[in-house]
Amino acid sequence: MQHIKQAIVTEGKFDKVKLSSLFDAVIIETGGFGVFTNEETRGLIKRFARTTGIVILTDSDPAGRKIRSYINSFVKEGTVLNAFIPAVEGKERRKSKPGAAGILGVEGIDDDTLISAVLSVTEVSGEDESAEPVTAAELYEAGLVGRPGSSMLRERFLAGLGLPPGLSRKQMLSYLNTVPGPEKLRELLSEFACDNSADN
């Protein structure tokens, strides 16, 4: 079992059960969209963000992205870390059919992937702290935003890093400038641009 100081915020009770078997940490369940109207849950999330920090780990479907964005919007103080799982097709064992997006949620993702996702944001080395963050302009130069076909290229780039599609530019930059960090990210962007040029 992995010990982390941050609280993990996830969507449902089955996600909480799964994460509780992997992490020695406080696990906060949003009750899905219930967090939108539950002042007590929001207050709990804010308190842990201010004290220990929180890691948001939601499903990679549209609902999960909406919940993640909402939490990021109302937590104004403290530390908020965003961990992501890849979009993997399938359904959870307890369900008779896949969800609307046809991909696994947190409860259905394998243990190693979940552990890696959380530790990637909680155990950042900090070696790139002095490096200038990658900017949106650099994403544009790599063809990942603001150009015809950028959406498809961005999905390929994210999938190659084991990240879900549909991340906003802000989320993408925030995560990748931390994990793997600006210097490594610039290398990855350069390699991706070269590979993409070779494909065309």
N, C-alpha and C. Protein backbone atom coordinates (compact mmCIF):
# COMPACT_ATOMS: atom_id res chain seq x y z
N MET A 1 0.84 -1.20 0.00
CA MET A 1 0.00 0.00 0.00
C MET A 1 0.88 1.25 0.00
N GLN A 2 0.49 2.22 -0.82
CA GLN A 2 1.27 3.46 -0.95
C GLN A 2 0.75 4.52 0.02
N HIS A 3 1.67 5.14 0.75
CA HIS A 3 1.29 6.22 1.65
C HIS A 3 1.54 7.56 0.97
N ILE A 4 0.53 8.40 0.92
CA ILE A 4 0.71 9.77 0.43
C ILE A 4 0.05 10.72 1.42
N LYS A 5 0.58 11.92 1.53
CA LYS A 5 0.02 12.88 2.49
C LYS A 5 -1.25 13.56 1.98
N GLN A 6 -1.39 13.66 0.66
CA GLN A 6 -2.55 14.35 0.10
C GLN A 6 -3.81 13.48 0.19
N ALA A 7 -4.95 14.14 0.24
CA ALA A 7 -6.23 13.44 0.12
C ALA A 7 -6.53 13.24 -1.36
N ILE A 8 -7.13 12.11 -1.68
CA ILE A 8 -7.50 11.83 -3.07
C ILE A 8 -9.00 12.07 -3.23
N VAL A 9 -9.37 12.86 -4.21
CA VAL A 9 -10.77 13.15 -4.49
C VAL A 9 -11.19 12.37 -5.72
N THR A 10 -12.21 11.54 -5.57
CA THR A 10 -12.69 10.72 -6.67
C THR A 10 -14.21 10.76 -6.72
N GLU A 11 -14.81 10.10 -7.70
CA GLU A 11 -16.24 10.29 -7.94
C GLU A 11 -17.18 9.45 -7.08
N GLY A 12 -17.04 8.12 -7.15
CA GLY A 12 -18.06 7.26 -6.56
C GLY A 12 -17.55 6.33 -5.48
N LYS A 13 -18.49 5.59 -4.86
CA LYS A 13 -18.13 4.72 -3.74
C LYS A 13 -17.26 3.55 -4.19
N PHE A 14 -17.46 3.06 -5.42
CA PHE A 14 -16.63 1.95 -5.89
C PHE A 14 -15.21 2.43 -6.22
N ASP A 15 -15.10 3.67 -6.70
CA ASP A 15 -13.78 4.26 -6.90
C ASP A 15 -13.06 4.38 -5.56
N LYS A 16 -13.80 4.82 -4.55
CA LYS A 16 -13.22 4.99 -3.21
C LYS A 16 -12.74 3.66 -2.65
N VAL A 17 -13.54 2.61 -2.81
CA VAL A 17 -13.15 1.29 -2.34
C VAL A 17 -11.86 0.84 -3.02
N LYS A 18 -11.78 1.02 -4.33
CA LYS A 18 -10.60 0.60 -5.09
C LYS A 18 -9.36 1.38 -4.61
N LEU A 19 -9.48 2.69 -4.51
CA LEU A 19 -8.33 3.51 -4.11
C LEU A 19 -7.93 3.25 -2.67
N SER A 20 -8.89 2.95 -1.81
CA SER A 20 -8.58 2.66 -0.41
C SER A 20 -7.76 1.39 -0.26
N SER A 21 -7.86 0.50 -1.25
CA SER A 21 -7.06 -0.74 -1.20
C SER A 21 -5.64 -0.51 -1.69
N LEU A 22 -5.39 0.63 -2.30
CA LEU A 22 -4.07 0.91 -2.87
C LEU A 22 -3.29 1.98 -2.14
N PHE A 23 -4.02 2.91 -1.50
CA PHE A 23 -3.37 4.07 -0.88
C PHE A 23 -3.74 4.22 0.59
N ASP A 24 -2.72 4.50 1.37
CA ASP A 24 -2.92 4.90 2.76
C ASP A 24 -3.09 6.41 2.73
N ALA A 25 -4.32 6.84 2.55
CA ALA A 25 -4.61 8.26 2.37
C ALA A 25 -6.10 8.49 2.62
N VAL A 26 -6.45 9.73 2.87
CA VAL A 26 -7.86 10.08 2.96
C VAL A 26 -8.44 10.06 1.54
N ILE A 27 -9.54 9.37 1.34
CA ILE A 27 -10.21 9.32 0.04
C ILE A 27 -11.56 10.02 0.18
N ILE A 28 -11.76 11.05 -0.62
CA ILE A 28 -13.02 11.82 -0.57
C ILE A 28 -13.85 11.50 -1.80
N GLU A 29 -15.07 11.09 -1.57
CA GLU A 29 -16.00 10.75 -2.65
C GLU A 29 -16.90 11.95 -2.94
N THR A 30 -17.00 12.35 -4.20
CA THR A 30 -17.84 13.50 -4.54
C THR A 30 -19.30 13.14 -4.68
N GLY A 31 -19.60 11.84 -4.78
CA GLY A 31 -20.99 11.45 -5.06
C GLY A 31 -21.37 11.82 -6.48
N GLY A 32 -20.41 11.68 -7.38
CA GLY A 32 -20.65 12.08 -8.77
C GLY A 32 -20.93 13.57 -8.85
N PHE A 33 -22.01 13.93 -9.53
CA PHE A 33 -22.39 15.33 -9.66
C PHE A 33 -22.94 15.91 -8.35
N GLY A 34 -23.05 15.07 -7.33
CA GLY A 34 -23.54 15.54 -6.05
C GLY A 34 -22.71 16.67 -5.47
N VAL A 35 -21.44 16.71 -5.84
CA VAL A 35 -20.55 17.78 -5.34
C VAL A 35 -21.04 19.16 -5.77
N PHE A 36 -21.81 19.22 -6.84
CA PHE A 36 -22.31 20.52 -7.33
C PHE A 36 -23.27 21.16 -6.33
N THR A 37 -23.96 20.33 -5.55
CA THR A 37 -24.97 20.87 -4.63
C THR A 37 -24.67 20.59 -3.16
N ASN A 38 -23.65 19.78 -2.89
CA ASN A 38 -23.35 19.38 -1.52
C ASN A 38 -22.29 20.31 -0.92
N GLU A 39 -22.74 21.25 -0.14
CA GLU A 39 -21.84 22.24 0.46
C GLU A 39 -20.85 21.58 1.42
N GLU A 40 -21.29 20.55 2.12
CA GLU A 40 -20.42 19.86 3.08
C GLU A 40 -19.24 19.20 2.38
N THR A 41 -19.52 18.54 1.26
CA THR A 41 -18.44 17.90 0.49
C THR A 41 -17.47 18.93 -0.05
N ARG A 42 -17.99 20.02 -0.57
CA ARG A 42 -17.12 21.08 -1.08
C ARG A 42 -16.25 21.66 0.04
N GLY A 43 -16.86 21.83 1.21
CA GLY A 43 -16.10 22.35 2.35
C GLY A 43 -14.98 21.41 2.76
N LEU A 44 -15.25 20.10 2.72
CA LEU A 44 -14.26 19.09 3.06
C LEU A 44 -13.09 19.13 2.07
N ILE A 45 -13.43 19.21 0.80
CA ILE A 45 -12.39 19.27 -0.23
C ILE A 45 -11.53 20.52 -0.06
N LYS A 46 -12.15 21.66 0.20
CA LYS A 46 -11.41 22.90 0.41
C LYS A 46 -10.47 22.79 1.61
N ARG A 47 -10.98 22.18 2.69
CA ARG A 47 -10.17 22.07 3.91
C ARG A 47 -8.92 21.23 3.67
N PHE A 48 -9.08 20.10 3.00
CA PHE A 48 -7.92 19.26 2.72
C PHE A 48 -6.98 19.91 1.71
N ALA A 49 -7.50 20.68 0.77
CA ALA A 49 -6.64 21.40 -0.17
C ALA A 49 -5.73 22.36 0.59
N ARG A 50 -6.29 23.02 1.60
CA ARG A 50 -5.51 24.00 2.38
C ARG A 50 -4.51 23.33 3.32
N THR A 51 -4.83 22.14 3.80
CA THR A 51 -3.98 21.51 4.81
C THR A 51 -2.99 20.50 4.22
N THR A 52 -3.48 19.44 3.66
CA THR A 52 -2.59 18.40 3.13
C THR A 52 -2.37 18.51 1.62
N GLY A 53 -3.29 19.23 0.94
CA GLY A 53 -3.32 19.20 -0.52
C GLY A 53 -4.22 18.08 -0.98
N ILE A 54 -4.72 18.18 -2.20
CA ILE A 54 -5.58 17.13 -2.75
C ILE A 54 -5.08 16.68 -4.12
N VAL A 55 -5.40 15.44 -4.44
CA VAL A 55 -5.16 14.88 -5.77
C VAL A 55 -6.53 14.56 -6.36
N ILE A 56 -6.86 15.17 -7.49
CA ILE A 56 -8.14 14.86 -8.15
C ILE A 56 -7.90 13.71 -9.12
N LEU A 57 -8.66 12.64 -8.94
CA LEU A 57 -8.55 11.47 -9.82
C LEU A 57 -9.96 11.03 -10.20
N THR A 58 -10.45 11.53 -11.32
CA THR A 58 -11.79 11.21 -11.79
C THR A 58 -11.71 10.37 -13.06
N ASP A 59 -12.86 9.87 -13.49
CA ASP A 59 -12.91 9.11 -14.74
C ASP A 59 -12.50 10.01 -15.91
N SER A 60 -12.14 9.37 -17.02
CA SER A 60 -11.69 10.13 -18.19
C SER A 60 -12.82 10.44 -19.16
N ASP A 61 -14.05 10.17 -18.75
CA ASP A 61 -15.20 10.47 -19.61
C ASP A 61 -15.65 11.92 -19.42
N PRO A 62 -16.60 12.40 -20.23
CA PRO A 62 -17.05 13.79 -20.10
C PRO A 62 -17.53 14.15 -18.70
N ALA A 63 -18.24 13.23 -18.03
CA ALA A 63 -18.71 13.51 -16.67
C ALA A 63 -17.55 13.72 -15.71
N GLY A 64 -16.55 12.87 -15.82
CA GLY A 64 -15.38 12.99 -14.97
C GLY A 64 -14.62 14.29 -15.21
N ARG A 65 -14.54 14.67 -16.47
CA ARG A 65 -13.85 15.94 -16.79
C ARG A 65 -14.63 17.14 -16.24
N LYS A 66 -15.96 17.05 -16.29
CA LYS A 66 -16.79 18.14 -15.78
C LYS A 66 -16.62 18.28 -14.26
N ILE A 67 -16.61 17.16 -13.55
CA ILE A 67 -16.42 17.18 -12.10
C ILE A 67 -15.04 17.72 -11.75
N ARG A 68 -14.02 17.28 -12.47
CA ARG A 68 -12.65 17.76 -12.24
C ARG A 68 -12.58 19.28 -12.42
N SER A 69 -13.14 19.76 -13.52
CA SER A 69 -13.09 21.20 -13.80
C SER A 69 -13.81 21.99 -12.71
N TYR A 70 -14.93 21.44 -12.24
CA TYR A 70 -15.69 22.13 -11.19
C TYR A 70 -14.88 22.24 -9.90
N ILE A 71 -14.24 21.15 -9.51
CA ILE A 71 -13.42 21.17 -8.29
C ILE A 71 -12.29 22.18 -8.43
N ASN A 72 -11.62 22.16 -9.58
CA ASN A 72 -10.54 23.12 -9.81
C ASN A 72 -11.04 24.56 -9.73
N SER A 73 -12.31 24.77 -10.10
CA SER A 73 -12.84 26.14 -10.12
C SER A 73 -13.20 26.66 -8.73
N PHE A 74 -13.66 25.77 -7.83
CA PHE A 74 -14.10 26.29 -6.53
C PHE A 74 -13.02 26.23 -5.44
N VAL A 75 -11.96 25.47 -5.67
CA VAL A 75 -10.87 25.45 -4.69
C VAL A 75 -9.92 26.60 -5.00
N LYS A 76 -9.95 27.62 -4.16
CA LYS A 76 -9.18 28.84 -4.42
C LYS A 76 -7.86 28.90 -3.64
N GLU A 77 -7.74 28.09 -2.59
CA GLU A 77 -6.55 28.12 -1.75
C GLU A 77 -6.00 26.71 -1.57
N GLY A 78 -4.70 26.61 -1.37
CA GLY A 78 -4.09 25.32 -1.10
C GLY A 78 -3.48 24.69 -2.35
N THR A 79 -3.31 23.38 -2.27
CA THR A 79 -2.64 22.64 -3.34
C THR A 79 -3.62 21.68 -4.00
N VAL A 80 -3.75 21.82 -5.31
CA VAL A 80 -4.60 20.92 -6.10
C VAL A 80 -3.73 20.26 -7.16
N LEU A 81 -3.62 18.95 -7.10
CA LEU A 81 -2.86 18.18 -8.08
C LEU A 81 -3.84 17.38 -8.92
N ASN A 82 -3.63 17.37 -10.23
CA ASN A 82 -4.52 16.64 -11.14
C ASN A 82 -3.83 15.40 -11.67
N ALA A 83 -4.35 14.23 -11.30
CA ALA A 83 -3.85 12.96 -11.81
C ALA A 83 -4.83 12.43 -12.84
N PHE A 84 -4.32 11.83 -13.90
CA PHE A 84 -5.17 11.38 -15.00
C PHE A 84 -4.95 9.90 -15.28
N ILE A 85 -6.03 9.24 -15.68
CA ILE A 85 -5.93 7.86 -16.15
C ILE A 85 -6.22 7.85 -17.66
N PRO A 86 -5.63 6.90 -18.38
CA PRO A 86 -5.89 6.83 -19.82
C PRO A 86 -7.32 6.39 -20.11
N ALA A 87 -7.77 6.68 -21.32
CA ALA A 87 -9.10 6.24 -21.75
C ALA A 87 -8.97 4.81 -22.29
N VAL A 88 -9.43 3.86 -21.50
CA VAL A 88 -9.31 2.44 -21.86
C VAL A 88 -10.72 1.90 -22.11
N GLU A 89 -10.94 1.35 -23.29
CA GLU A 89 -12.25 0.80 -23.61
C GLU A 89 -12.58 -0.40 -22.72
N GLY A 90 -13.84 -0.49 -22.33
CA GLY A 90 -14.25 -1.65 -21.55
C GLY A 90 -15.35 -1.29 -20.57
N LYS A 91 -15.68 -2.24 -19.70
CA LYS A 91 -16.69 -2.02 -18.66
C LYS A 91 -16.22 -2.68 -17.36
N GLU A 92 -16.73 -2.16 -16.26
CA GLU A 92 -16.40 -2.73 -14.96
C GLU A 92 -17.12 -4.07 -14.79
N ARG A 93 -16.51 -4.97 -14.04
CA ARG A 93 -17.07 -6.31 -13.86
C ARG A 93 -18.48 -6.30 -13.27
N ARG A 94 -18.74 -5.35 -12.38
CA ARG A 94 -20.04 -5.33 -11.71
C ARG A 94 -21.16 -4.83 -12.62
N LYS A 95 -20.81 -4.24 -13.76
CA LYS A 95 -21.81 -3.65 -14.65
C LYS A 95 -22.21 -4.62 -15.76
N SER A 96 -23.45 -4.52 -16.18
CA SER A 96 -23.93 -5.39 -17.25
C SER A 96 -23.55 -4.86 -18.63
N LYS A 97 -23.30 -3.55 -18.72
CA LYS A 97 -22.89 -2.96 -19.98
C LYS A 97 -21.99 -1.75 -19.71
N PRO A 98 -21.19 -1.35 -20.71
CA PRO A 98 -20.29 -0.22 -20.52
C PRO A 98 -21.05 1.08 -20.26
N GLY A 99 -20.37 2.06 -19.71
CA GLY A 99 -20.96 3.38 -19.52
C GLY A 99 -21.15 4.07 -20.86
N ALA A 100 -21.72 5.26 -20.82
CA ALA A 100 -22.05 5.99 -22.05
C ALA A 100 -20.83 6.22 -22.93
N ALA A 101 -19.67 6.47 -22.33
CA ALA A 101 -18.45 6.74 -23.11
C ALA A 101 -17.75 5.46 -23.54
N GLY A 102 -18.14 4.32 -22.97
CA GLY A 102 -17.55 3.05 -23.35
C GLY A 102 -16.14 2.83 -22.84
N ILE A 103 -15.74 3.58 -21.80
CA ILE A 103 -14.39 3.42 -21.27
C ILE A 103 -14.44 3.11 -19.77
N LEU A 104 -13.36 2.54 -19.27
CA LEU A 104 -13.29 2.19 -17.86
C LEU A 104 -13.16 3.42 -16.99
N GLY A 105 -13.83 3.38 -15.84
CA GLY A 105 -13.66 4.43 -14.85
C GLY A 105 -12.53 4.07 -13.91
N VAL A 106 -12.35 4.87 -12.89
CA VAL A 106 -11.27 4.64 -11.93
C VAL A 106 -11.34 3.23 -11.35
N GLU A 107 -12.54 2.76 -11.00
CA GLU A 107 -12.66 1.45 -10.37
C GLU A 107 -12.23 0.30 -11.29
N GLY A 108 -12.27 0.54 -12.61
CA GLY A 108 -11.94 -0.53 -13.54
C GLY A 108 -10.51 -0.53 -14.04
N ILE A 109 -9.77 0.52 -13.74
CA ILE A 109 -8.38 0.63 -14.19
C ILE A 109 -7.47 -0.24 -13.33
N ASP A 110 -6.46 -0.83 -13.92
CA ASP A 110 -5.58 -1.74 -13.17
C ASP A 110 -4.80 -0.99 -12.09
N ASP A 111 -4.41 -1.72 -11.07
CA ASP A 111 -3.76 -1.15 -9.89
C ASP A 111 -2.51 -0.36 -10.23
N ASP A 112 -1.65 -0.95 -11.06
CA ASP A 112 -0.37 -0.30 -11.37
C ASP A 112 -0.57 1.05 -12.04
N THR A 113 -1.56 1.14 -12.93
CA THR A 113 -1.82 2.40 -13.63
C THR A 113 -2.32 3.46 -12.65
N LEU A 114 -3.19 3.07 -11.73
CA LEU A 114 -3.70 4.01 -10.74
C LEU A 114 -2.58 4.51 -9.83
N ILE A 115 -1.75 3.59 -9.37
CA ILE A 115 -0.64 3.98 -8.49
C ILE A 115 0.31 4.92 -9.22
N SER A 116 0.63 4.58 -10.46
CA SER A 116 1.52 5.43 -11.25
C SER A 116 0.94 6.81 -11.48
N ALA A 117 -0.38 6.87 -11.75
CA ALA A 117 -1.03 8.16 -12.01
C ALA A 117 -0.94 9.08 -10.79
N VAL A 118 -1.19 8.52 -9.62
CA VAL A 118 -1.16 9.33 -8.39
C VAL A 118 0.27 9.71 -8.01
N LEU A 119 1.17 8.73 -8.04
CA LEU A 119 2.55 9.02 -7.63
C LEU A 119 3.25 9.97 -8.60
N SER A 120 2.80 9.99 -9.86
CA SER A 120 3.45 10.88 -10.83
C SER A 120 3.26 12.34 -10.46
N VAL A 121 2.17 12.66 -9.75
CA VAL A 121 1.95 14.06 -9.37
C VAL A 121 2.33 14.34 -7.92
N THR A 122 2.43 13.29 -7.09
CA THR A 122 2.76 13.52 -5.69
C THR A 122 4.24 13.38 -5.39
N GLU A 123 4.99 12.77 -6.32
CA GLU A 123 6.42 12.56 -6.09
C GLU A 123 7.27 13.21 -7.17
N VAL A 124 6.83 14.38 -7.64
CA VAL A 124 7.58 15.11 -8.65
C VAL A 124 8.92 15.52 -8.07
N SER A 125 10.00 15.30 -8.81
CA SER A 125 11.35 15.55 -8.29
C SER A 125 11.66 17.01 -8.11
N GLY A 126 11.08 17.86 -8.95
CA GLY A 126 11.36 19.28 -8.85
C GLY A 126 12.62 19.70 -9.58
N GLU A 127 13.24 18.81 -10.37
CA GLU A 127 14.49 19.15 -11.03
C GLU A 127 14.32 20.22 -12.09
N ASP A 128 13.08 20.44 -12.58
CA ASP A 128 12.85 21.43 -13.61
C ASP A 128 12.25 22.73 -13.07
N GLU A 129 12.34 22.91 -11.75
CA GLU A 129 11.69 24.07 -11.14
C GLU A 129 12.17 25.39 -11.72
N SER A 130 13.44 25.45 -12.13
CA SER A 130 13.98 26.70 -12.65
C SER A 130 13.72 26.88 -14.14
N ALA A 131 13.24 25.83 -14.80
CA ALA A 131 13.01 25.90 -16.24
C ALA A 131 11.76 26.72 -16.55
N GLU A 132 11.80 27.46 -17.64
CA GLU A 132 10.64 28.23 -18.07
C GLU A 132 9.53 27.27 -18.52
N PRO A 133 8.32 27.44 -18.02
CA PRO A 133 7.23 26.54 -18.43
C PRO A 133 6.97 26.60 -19.94
N VAL A 134 6.58 25.48 -20.48
CA VAL A 134 6.16 25.43 -21.87
C VAL A 134 4.89 26.26 -22.02
N THR A 135 4.79 27.01 -23.10
CA THR A 135 3.66 27.91 -23.31
C THR A 135 2.71 27.39 -24.39
N ALA A 136 1.56 28.04 -24.48
CA ALA A 136 0.60 27.69 -25.52
C ALA A 136 1.18 27.93 -26.91
N ALA A 137 2.06 28.91 -27.02
CA ALA A 137 2.70 29.20 -28.31
C ALA A 137 3.53 28.00 -28.78
N GLU A 138 4.16 27.32 -27.84
CA GLU A 138 4.96 26.14 -28.20
C GLU A 138 4.06 24.98 -28.60
N LEU A 139 2.90 24.88 -27.98
CA LEU A 139 1.94 23.87 -28.41
C LEU A 139 1.47 24.16 -29.83
N TYR A 140 1.29 25.44 -30.12
CA TYR A 140 0.89 25.85 -31.47
C TYR A 140 1.97 25.46 -32.48
N GLU A 141 3.22 25.74 -32.13
CA GLU A 141 4.33 25.41 -33.03
C GLU A 141 4.40 23.91 -33.31
N ALA A 142 4.03 23.12 -32.30
CA ALA A 142 4.05 21.67 -32.46
C ALA A 142 2.80 21.16 -33.18
N GLY A 143 1.87 22.08 -33.48
CA GLY A 143 0.66 21.71 -34.20
C GLY A 143 -0.44 21.15 -33.32
N LEU A 144 -0.31 21.31 -31.99
CA LEU A 144 -1.27 20.69 -31.08
C LEU A 144 -2.46 21.58 -30.74
N VAL A 145 -2.37 22.87 -31.02
CA VAL A 145 -3.50 23.77 -30.79
C VAL A 145 -3.57 24.80 -31.91
N GLY A 146 -4.78 25.25 -32.19
CA GLY A 146 -4.98 26.39 -33.08
C GLY A 146 -4.77 26.18 -34.55
N ARG A 147 -4.63 24.93 -34.98
CA ARG A 147 -4.41 24.66 -36.41
C ARG A 147 -5.38 23.59 -36.89
N PRO A 148 -5.59 23.53 -38.21
CA PRO A 148 -6.43 22.45 -38.73
C PRO A 148 -5.84 21.09 -38.35
N GLY A 149 -6.65 20.23 -37.83
CA GLY A 149 -6.18 18.90 -37.43
C GLY A 149 -5.53 18.85 -36.06
N SER A 150 -5.49 20.00 -35.35
CA SER A 150 -4.83 20.02 -34.03
C SER A 150 -5.50 19.07 -33.04
N SER A 151 -6.82 19.00 -33.08
CA SER A 151 -7.53 18.16 -32.13
C SER A 151 -7.12 16.70 -32.26
N MET A 152 -7.01 16.22 -33.49
CA MET A 152 -6.63 14.83 -33.71
C MET A 152 -5.18 14.60 -33.29
N LEU A 153 -4.31 15.55 -33.63
CA LEU A 153 -2.90 15.42 -33.24
C LEU A 153 -2.74 15.45 -31.73
N ARG A 154 -3.52 16.32 -31.08
CA ARG A 154 -3.43 16.42 -29.62
C ARG A 154 -3.86 15.11 -28.97
N GLU A 155 -4.90 14.48 -29.51
CA GLU A 155 -5.34 13.20 -28.96
C GLU A 155 -4.27 12.13 -29.12
N ARG A 156 -3.58 12.13 -30.26
CA ARG A 156 -2.48 11.19 -30.47
C ARG A 156 -1.35 11.43 -29.48
N PHE A 157 -1.04 12.70 -29.27
CA PHE A 157 0.05 13.08 -28.36
C PHE A 157 -0.30 12.66 -26.93
N LEU A 158 -1.52 12.95 -26.49
CA LEU A 158 -1.95 12.60 -25.14
C LEU A 158 -1.99 11.09 -24.95
N ALA A 159 -2.52 10.39 -25.95
CA ALA A 159 -2.60 8.92 -25.86
C ALA A 159 -1.21 8.31 -25.74
N GLY A 160 -0.24 8.89 -26.45
CA GLY A 160 1.13 8.41 -26.38
C GLY A 160 1.74 8.56 -25.00
N LEU A 161 1.21 9.49 -24.21
CA LEU A 161 1.69 9.72 -22.85
C LEU A 161 0.81 9.02 -21.81
N GLY A 162 -0.17 8.25 -22.28
CA GLY A 162 -1.06 7.56 -21.36
C GLY A 162 -2.05 8.47 -20.69
N LEU A 163 -2.39 9.58 -21.37
CA LEU A 163 -3.34 10.55 -20.83
C LEU A 163 -4.64 10.50 -21.63
N PRO A 164 -5.75 10.89 -21.00
CA PRO A 164 -7.03 10.81 -21.69
C PRO A 164 -7.19 11.92 -22.73
N PRO A 165 -8.02 11.70 -23.74
CA PRO A 165 -8.32 12.78 -24.68
C PRO A 165 -9.21 13.81 -23.99
N GLY A 166 -9.33 14.97 -24.61
CA GLY A 166 -10.27 15.95 -24.10
C GLY A 166 -9.73 16.88 -23.04
N LEU A 167 -8.43 16.77 -22.72
CA LEU A 167 -7.87 17.72 -21.75
C LEU A 167 -7.88 19.11 -22.37
N SER A 168 -8.23 20.09 -21.58
CA SER A 168 -8.15 21.47 -22.07
C SER A 168 -6.69 21.87 -22.20
N ARG A 169 -6.44 22.92 -22.95
CA ARG A 169 -5.07 23.41 -23.11
C ARG A 169 -4.47 23.75 -21.74
N LYS A 170 -5.27 24.37 -20.88
CA LYS A 170 -4.79 24.75 -19.55
C LYS A 170 -4.43 23.52 -18.72
N GLN A 171 -5.31 22.50 -18.72
CA GLN A 171 -5.04 21.28 -17.97
C GLN A 171 -3.80 20.58 -18.50
N MET A 172 -3.69 20.53 -19.82
CA MET A 172 -2.57 19.86 -20.45
C MET A 172 -1.25 20.53 -20.06
N LEU A 173 -1.20 21.85 -20.15
CA LEU A 173 0.02 22.57 -19.82
C LEU A 173 0.35 22.45 -18.33
N SER A 174 -0.67 22.57 -17.50
CA SER A 174 -0.46 22.49 -16.06
C SER A 174 0.13 21.14 -15.67
N TYR A 175 -0.43 20.06 -16.21
CA TYR A 175 0.05 18.72 -15.88
C TYR A 175 1.44 18.47 -16.46
N LEU A 176 1.61 18.74 -17.75
CA LEU A 176 2.85 18.37 -18.42
C LEU A 176 4.03 19.24 -18.03
N ASN A 177 3.77 20.47 -17.59
CA ASN A 177 4.87 21.30 -17.10
C ASN A 177 5.34 20.84 -15.72
N THR A 178 4.53 20.01 -15.07
CA THR A 178 4.91 19.45 -13.78
C THR A 178 5.44 18.03 -13.95
N VAL A 179 4.69 17.23 -14.68
CA VAL A 179 5.06 15.84 -14.97
C VAL A 179 4.96 15.65 -16.47
N PRO A 180 5.99 15.55 -17.19
CA PRO A 180 7.38 15.28 -16.80
C PRO A 180 8.24 16.52 -16.56
N GLY A 181 7.68 17.72 -16.70
CA GLY A 181 8.45 18.94 -16.51
C GLY A 181 8.77 19.61 -17.83
N PRO A 182 9.06 20.92 -17.79
CA PRO A 182 9.27 21.69 -19.02
C PRO A 182 10.35 21.16 -19.96
N GLU A 183 11.51 20.79 -19.41
CA GLU A 183 12.61 20.34 -20.27
C GLU A 183 12.26 19.06 -21.02
N LYS A 184 11.75 18.07 -20.28
CA LYS A 184 11.36 16.82 -20.90
C LYS A 184 10.20 17.03 -21.85
N LEU A 185 9.27 17.90 -21.48
CA LEU A 185 8.12 18.17 -22.34
C LEU A 185 8.57 18.76 -23.67
N ARG A 186 9.55 19.65 -23.64
CA ARG A 186 10.05 20.22 -24.90
C ARG A 186 10.67 19.14 -25.78
N GLU A 187 11.35 18.19 -25.16
CA GLU A 187 11.91 17.06 -25.92
C GLU A 187 10.78 16.25 -26.56
N LEU A 188 9.74 15.99 -25.79
CA LEU A 188 8.61 15.20 -26.30
C LEU A 188 7.90 15.92 -27.43
N LEU A 189 7.73 17.24 -27.29
CA LEU A 189 7.08 18.03 -28.35
C LEU A 189 7.91 18.00 -29.62
N SER A 190 9.22 18.12 -29.47
CA SER A 190 10.11 18.10 -30.63
C SER A 190 10.06 16.75 -31.33
N GLU A 191 10.10 15.67 -30.54
CA GLU A 191 10.03 14.32 -31.11
C GLU A 191 8.69 14.10 -31.81
N PHE A 192 7.62 14.58 -31.19
CA PHE A 192 6.29 14.40 -31.77
C PHE A 192 6.18 15.16 -33.09
N ALA A 193 6.70 16.40 -33.12
CA ALA A 193 6.65 17.20 -34.34
C ALA A 193 7.42 16.52 -35.45
N CYS A 194 8.60 15.93 -35.11
CA CYS A 194 9.41 15.24 -36.11
C CYS A 194 8.68 14.00 -36.64
N ASP A 195 8.11 13.23 -35.71
CA ASP A 195 7.38 12.02 -36.12
C ASP A 195 6.19 12.37 -36.99
N ASN A 196 5.50 13.45 -36.64
CA ASN A 196 4.33 13.86 -37.40
C ASN A 196 4.73 14.31 -38.80
N SER A 197 5.87 15.01 -38.92
CA SER A 197 6.36 15.45 -40.23
C SER A 197 6.72 14.26 -41.10
N ALA A 198 7.29 13.22 -40.46
CA ALA A 198 7.68 12.03 -41.20
C ALA A 198 6.46 11.28 -41.72
N ASP A 199 5.37 11.34 -40.96
CA ASP A 199 4.14 10.65 -41.36
C ASP A 199 3.47 11.31 -42.55
N ASN A 200 3.73 12.64 -42.72
CA ASN A 200 3.02 13.39 -43.78
C ASN A 200 3.78 13.38 -45.10
